[in-house]
Protein backbone atom coordinates (compact mmCIF):
# COMPACT_ATOMS: atom_id res chain seq x y z
CA MET A 1 132.41 112.37 77.18
CA SER A 2 133.58 110.93 80.49
CA ASP A 3 131.92 107.73 81.71
CA ARG A 4 131.48 109.34 85.14
CA TYR A 5 127.77 110.01 85.19
CA ARG A 6 125.71 112.13 87.56
CA ALA A 7 122.05 111.25 87.97
CA VAL A 8 119.24 113.19 89.63
CA VAL A 9 116.46 110.97 90.98
CA THR A 10 113.33 112.57 92.41
CA GLY A 11 111.78 110.58 95.22
CA GLY A 12 115.03 108.63 95.34
CA ASN A 13 114.80 108.02 99.05
CA THR A 14 112.36 105.12 99.23
CA GLY A 15 110.66 102.35 97.24
CA ILE A 16 111.21 102.48 93.48
CA GLY A 17 113.31 105.64 93.75
CA ALA A 18 115.65 104.05 96.28
CA ALA A 19 116.05 100.99 94.05
CA ILE A 20 116.91 103.28 91.12
CA SER A 21 119.38 105.28 93.21
CA ARG A 22 121.09 102.11 94.47
CA THR A 23 121.29 100.71 90.92
CA PHE A 24 122.95 103.89 89.68
CA LEU A 25 125.37 103.86 92.62
CA ASP A 26 126.26 100.25 91.81
CA ARG A 27 126.98 101.42 88.26
CA GLY A 28 129.44 104.00 89.61
CA TYR A 29 127.24 107.05 89.05
CA ASP A 30 127.11 110.05 91.33
CA VAL A 31 123.49 110.31 92.50
CA VAL A 32 121.48 113.27 93.73
CA CYS A 33 118.26 112.37 95.54
CA MET A 34 115.64 115.13 95.53
CA SER A 35 112.84 114.45 98.01
CA ARG A 36 111.14 115.68 101.16
CA ARG A 37 112.80 113.03 103.33
CA LYS A 38 116.42 111.97 103.51
CA PRO A 39 117.22 108.44 102.27
CA ASP A 40 117.69 105.87 105.01
CA PHE A 41 120.84 104.67 103.27
CA SER A 42 124.10 106.48 102.61
CA HIS A 43 126.94 106.34 100.11
CA GLU A 44 129.98 108.47 99.39
CA ARG A 45 128.55 109.28 95.95
CA LEU A 46 125.01 110.00 97.16
CA ASP A 47 123.89 113.60 97.73
CA PHE A 48 120.54 114.73 99.09
CA ILE A 49 118.58 117.89 98.32
CA GLU A 50 115.54 118.35 100.53
CA VAL A 51 112.65 119.80 98.54
CA ASP A 52 108.88 119.69 98.26
CA LEU A 53 108.45 119.23 94.52
CA ALA A 54 104.83 120.36 94.77
CA ASP A 55 106.20 123.85 95.46
CA PRO A 56 107.29 125.45 92.14
CA ALA A 57 109.64 128.02 93.70
CA ALA A 58 111.30 125.42 95.93
CA THR A 59 111.65 123.06 92.97
CA ARG A 60 113.25 125.77 90.86
CA ALA A 61 115.79 126.51 93.61
CA ALA A 62 116.57 122.82 94.13
CA ALA A 63 116.99 122.28 90.39
CA ALA A 64 119.46 125.16 90.20
CA LYS A 65 121.38 123.70 93.14
CA ALA A 66 121.54 120.26 91.51
CA ALA A 67 122.70 121.77 88.21
CA VAL A 68 125.76 123.44 89.74
CA ARG A 69 127.55 120.34 88.47
CA PRO A 70 126.70 118.67 85.12
CA ILE A 71 123.72 116.32 85.11
CA THR A 72 123.80 113.38 82.68
CA HIS A 73 120.74 111.43 83.83
CA PHE A 74 117.37 112.49 85.21
CA VAL A 75 114.68 110.15 86.53
CA HIS A 76 111.45 111.76 87.65
CA ASN A 77 110.07 109.19 90.05
CA ALA A 78 108.36 111.30 92.74
CA GLY A 79 104.60 111.04 92.73
CA VAL A 80 101.36 111.07 94.67
CA ILE A 81 97.93 109.55 93.97
CA LYS A 82 95.23 111.75 95.62
CA PRO A 83 92.47 109.18 94.92
CA ASN A 84 88.88 110.39 94.65
CA LEU A 85 85.75 109.53 92.76
CA LEU A 86 84.92 112.15 90.14
CA HIS A 87 82.22 113.92 92.16
CA LYS A 88 84.71 114.48 94.98
CA VAL A 89 87.72 115.65 92.94
CA GLU A 90 88.98 119.09 93.93
CA LEU A 91 90.80 121.32 91.46
CA GLU A 92 93.36 122.03 94.17
CA GLU A 93 94.28 118.34 94.02
CA LEU A 94 94.69 118.58 90.26
CA ALA A 95 96.95 121.62 90.59
CA LEU A 96 99.16 119.93 93.19
CA VAL A 97 99.53 116.66 91.28
CA THR A 98 100.10 118.49 87.99
CA GLN A 99 102.94 120.46 89.52
CA LEU A 100 104.48 117.36 91.09
CA HIS A 101 104.20 115.08 88.07
CA LEU A 102 104.63 117.57 85.22
CA GLY A 103 105.78 120.98 86.46
CA ALA A 104 108.65 119.65 88.57
CA ALA A 105 109.87 117.54 85.65
CA ILE A 106 109.89 120.56 83.37
CA GLU A 107 111.82 122.72 85.83
CA ILE A 108 114.47 120.11 86.59
CA VAL A 109 114.99 119.17 82.94
CA GLN A 110 115.33 122.84 82.04
CA ALA A 111 118.11 123.12 84.61
CA ALA A 112 119.83 119.96 83.34
CA LEU A 113 119.63 120.71 79.63
CA PRO A 114 122.66 123.02 79.28
CA SER A 115 125.10 120.38 80.54
CA MET A 116 123.39 117.57 78.61
CA LYS A 117 123.49 119.58 75.38
CA ALA A 118 127.13 120.55 75.96
CA ALA A 119 128.05 116.88 76.42
CA HIS A 120 125.80 115.80 73.53
CA PHE A 121 124.52 113.12 75.88
CA GLY A 122 121.60 112.73 78.24
CA ARG A 123 119.15 110.19 79.55
CA ILE A 124 115.72 111.27 80.81
CA VAL A 125 113.18 108.82 82.20
CA LEU A 126 109.73 109.83 83.43
CA MET A 127 107.85 107.52 85.79
CA SER A 128 104.32 107.20 84.49
CA SER A 129 101.90 104.44 85.55
CA ARG A 130 99.71 101.67 84.20
CA ALA A 131 96.90 103.86 85.55
CA LEU A 132 97.35 106.11 82.51
CA LEU A 133 95.03 103.63 80.81
CA GLY A 134 92.30 104.58 83.28
CA LEU A 135 91.35 103.43 86.76
CA GLN A 136 88.53 104.24 89.16
CA THR A 137 89.29 107.02 91.69
CA ARG A 138 92.37 108.10 89.69
CA THR A 139 91.08 111.18 87.83
CA VAL A 140 94.01 113.47 88.64
CA TYR A 141 96.59 110.68 88.84
CA SER A 142 95.66 109.07 85.53
CA ALA A 143 95.38 112.44 83.79
CA THR A 144 98.84 113.60 84.84
CA LYS A 145 100.48 110.22 84.28
CA ALA A 146 98.98 110.15 80.78
CA GLY A 147 100.16 113.74 80.31
CA MET A 148 103.68 112.57 81.05
CA ILE A 149 103.59 110.39 77.95
CA GLY A 150 102.70 113.27 75.64
CA MET A 151 105.36 115.41 77.28
CA MET A 152 107.95 112.64 76.99
CA ARG A 153 107.25 112.07 73.30
CA THR A 154 107.51 115.80 72.60
CA TRP A 155 110.82 116.07 74.45
CA ALA A 156 112.14 113.01 72.61
CA LEU A 157 111.50 114.76 69.29
CA GLU A 158 113.02 118.05 70.43
CA LEU A 159 116.13 116.62 72.10
CA ALA A 160 117.18 113.75 69.82
CA GLN A 161 119.46 116.07 67.85
CA PHE A 162 121.44 116.72 71.04
CA GLY A 163 122.10 113.07 71.85
CA ILE A 164 119.47 113.13 74.62
CA THR A 165 116.96 110.29 74.86
CA VAL A 166 113.63 110.59 76.68
CA ASN A 167 111.53 107.60 77.69
CA ALA A 168 108.90 106.58 80.21
CA ILE A 169 108.23 103.65 82.49
CA ALA A 170 104.64 102.70 83.35
CA PRO A 171 104.71 100.41 86.40
CA GLY A 172 101.81 98.24 87.41
CA PRO A 173 101.17 97.26 91.06
CA ILE A 174 104.51 97.43 92.91
CA GLY A 175 103.91 95.83 96.29
CA ASP A 176 107.00 96.94 98.21
CA THR A 177 106.34 100.69 98.07
CA GLU A 178 104.81 103.12 100.55
CA MET A 179 102.34 104.25 97.88
CA PHE A 180 101.01 100.70 97.41
CA GLU A 181 100.91 99.94 101.12
CA ALA A 182 98.94 103.12 101.71
CA VAL A 183 96.18 101.56 99.61
CA MET A 184 96.46 97.93 100.81
CA SER A 185 98.84 95.48 102.43
CA PRO A 186 100.46 93.03 100.01
CA GLU A 187 99.71 90.31 102.57
CA SER A 188 96.02 91.17 102.87
CA GLU A 189 93.35 89.12 101.14
CA ARG A 190 92.84 92.02 98.75
CA GLY A 191 96.56 92.18 98.02
CA LYS A 192 96.75 88.44 97.40
CA ALA A 193 93.72 88.57 95.11
CA LEU A 194 95.31 91.41 93.15
CA ALA A 195 98.55 89.46 92.75
CA LYS A 196 96.59 86.46 91.51
CA ALA A 197 94.80 88.63 88.93
CA ILE A 198 98.10 89.71 87.36
CA PRO A 199 99.08 87.41 84.46
CA ILE A 200 102.57 86.83 85.91
CA GLY A 201 100.94 85.88 89.21
CA ARG A 202 102.69 88.24 91.59
CA LEU A 203 102.97 91.88 92.57
CA GLY A 204 105.85 93.87 91.17
CA ARG A 205 108.99 94.77 93.09
CA SER A 206 110.89 98.04 93.07
CA MET A 207 113.87 96.36 91.43
CA ASP A 208 111.68 95.29 88.50
CA VAL A 209 111.23 98.97 87.72
CA ALA A 210 114.83 99.91 88.51
CA ARG A 211 116.07 97.37 85.96
CA ALA A 212 113.87 98.93 83.29
CA VAL A 213 115.17 102.40 84.13
CA ASP A 214 118.73 101.08 83.97
CA PHE A 215 117.98 99.69 80.51
CA PHE A 216 116.84 103.08 79.18
CA CYS A 217 119.76 104.88 80.85
CA ALA A 218 122.58 102.85 79.38
CA LYS A 219 125.17 104.66 77.29
CA ASP A 220 124.47 102.34 74.35
CA ALA A 221 120.68 102.88 74.51
CA ASP A 222 120.99 105.79 72.10
CA PHE A 223 118.52 104.37 69.58
CA LEU A 224 115.71 104.15 72.18
CA THR A 225 113.71 107.31 72.59
CA GLY A 226 110.08 108.36 72.85
CA GLN A 227 109.04 104.96 74.22
CA THR A 228 106.79 103.85 77.08
CA LEU A 229 107.67 100.55 78.75
CA PHE A 230 104.97 98.91 80.88
CA VAL A 231 106.53 97.06 83.82
CA CYS A 232 103.34 95.46 85.02
CA GLY A 233 103.48 91.68 84.86
CA GLY A 234 101.00 91.80 81.98
CA ALA A 235 98.46 93.89 83.89
CA SER A 236 98.20 96.38 81.00
CA LEU A 237 96.98 93.69 78.62
CA GLY A 238 93.29 94.44 79.00
CA SER A 239 93.32 93.91 82.75
CA THR A 240 91.44 96.11 85.22
CA VAL A 241 93.83 95.62 88.16
CA THR A 242 95.28 98.67 89.89
């Protein structure tokens, strides 16, 4: 197949998604960002599809639009936390987060599969979280991020015969993202204490995650599938940090 790749990145407009999009652009890929807000950066090979991925019908339409041209790479990075202690969790929250984390991934991959199968090549990366191991106030977030792993492993088994690999990244605390800053400032006492509690001794950066995604998405990474890579500074090694 041609080495001209075309990647779809959900939530590719900011934070980790923006770092992934920029990394792909640096690699020479065409990139399609699917998100509610337009990226604050531009590039001749960057396209933008405005969509609320929590809306199944809108997601289906956006996926069809993206698939008008062949898709070789898909990174499902968009996400939301909806933190709540168990006694306050609403099933509406579960439905929304399930659609965003799982349903949207299914719909976009279904749209991308014909071109990936035709090329006998594809790279799919799902953005899970260290929180899949469990974390207070993360009932719906942890459940859906853990669900991603089962879904990823199933897809890896189904799609290996077509030259398509499917893997997951599970980031720990990434301090330069809107999602993290909505919970705490990296410069706050709480943020500094959290960084100190991580074995590596610092918060993660978006590029830490983007490098891991780039690793899974390489053309020669064809013997890597069904795997979950924790990018967490060691926070998954029995730690209770967020």
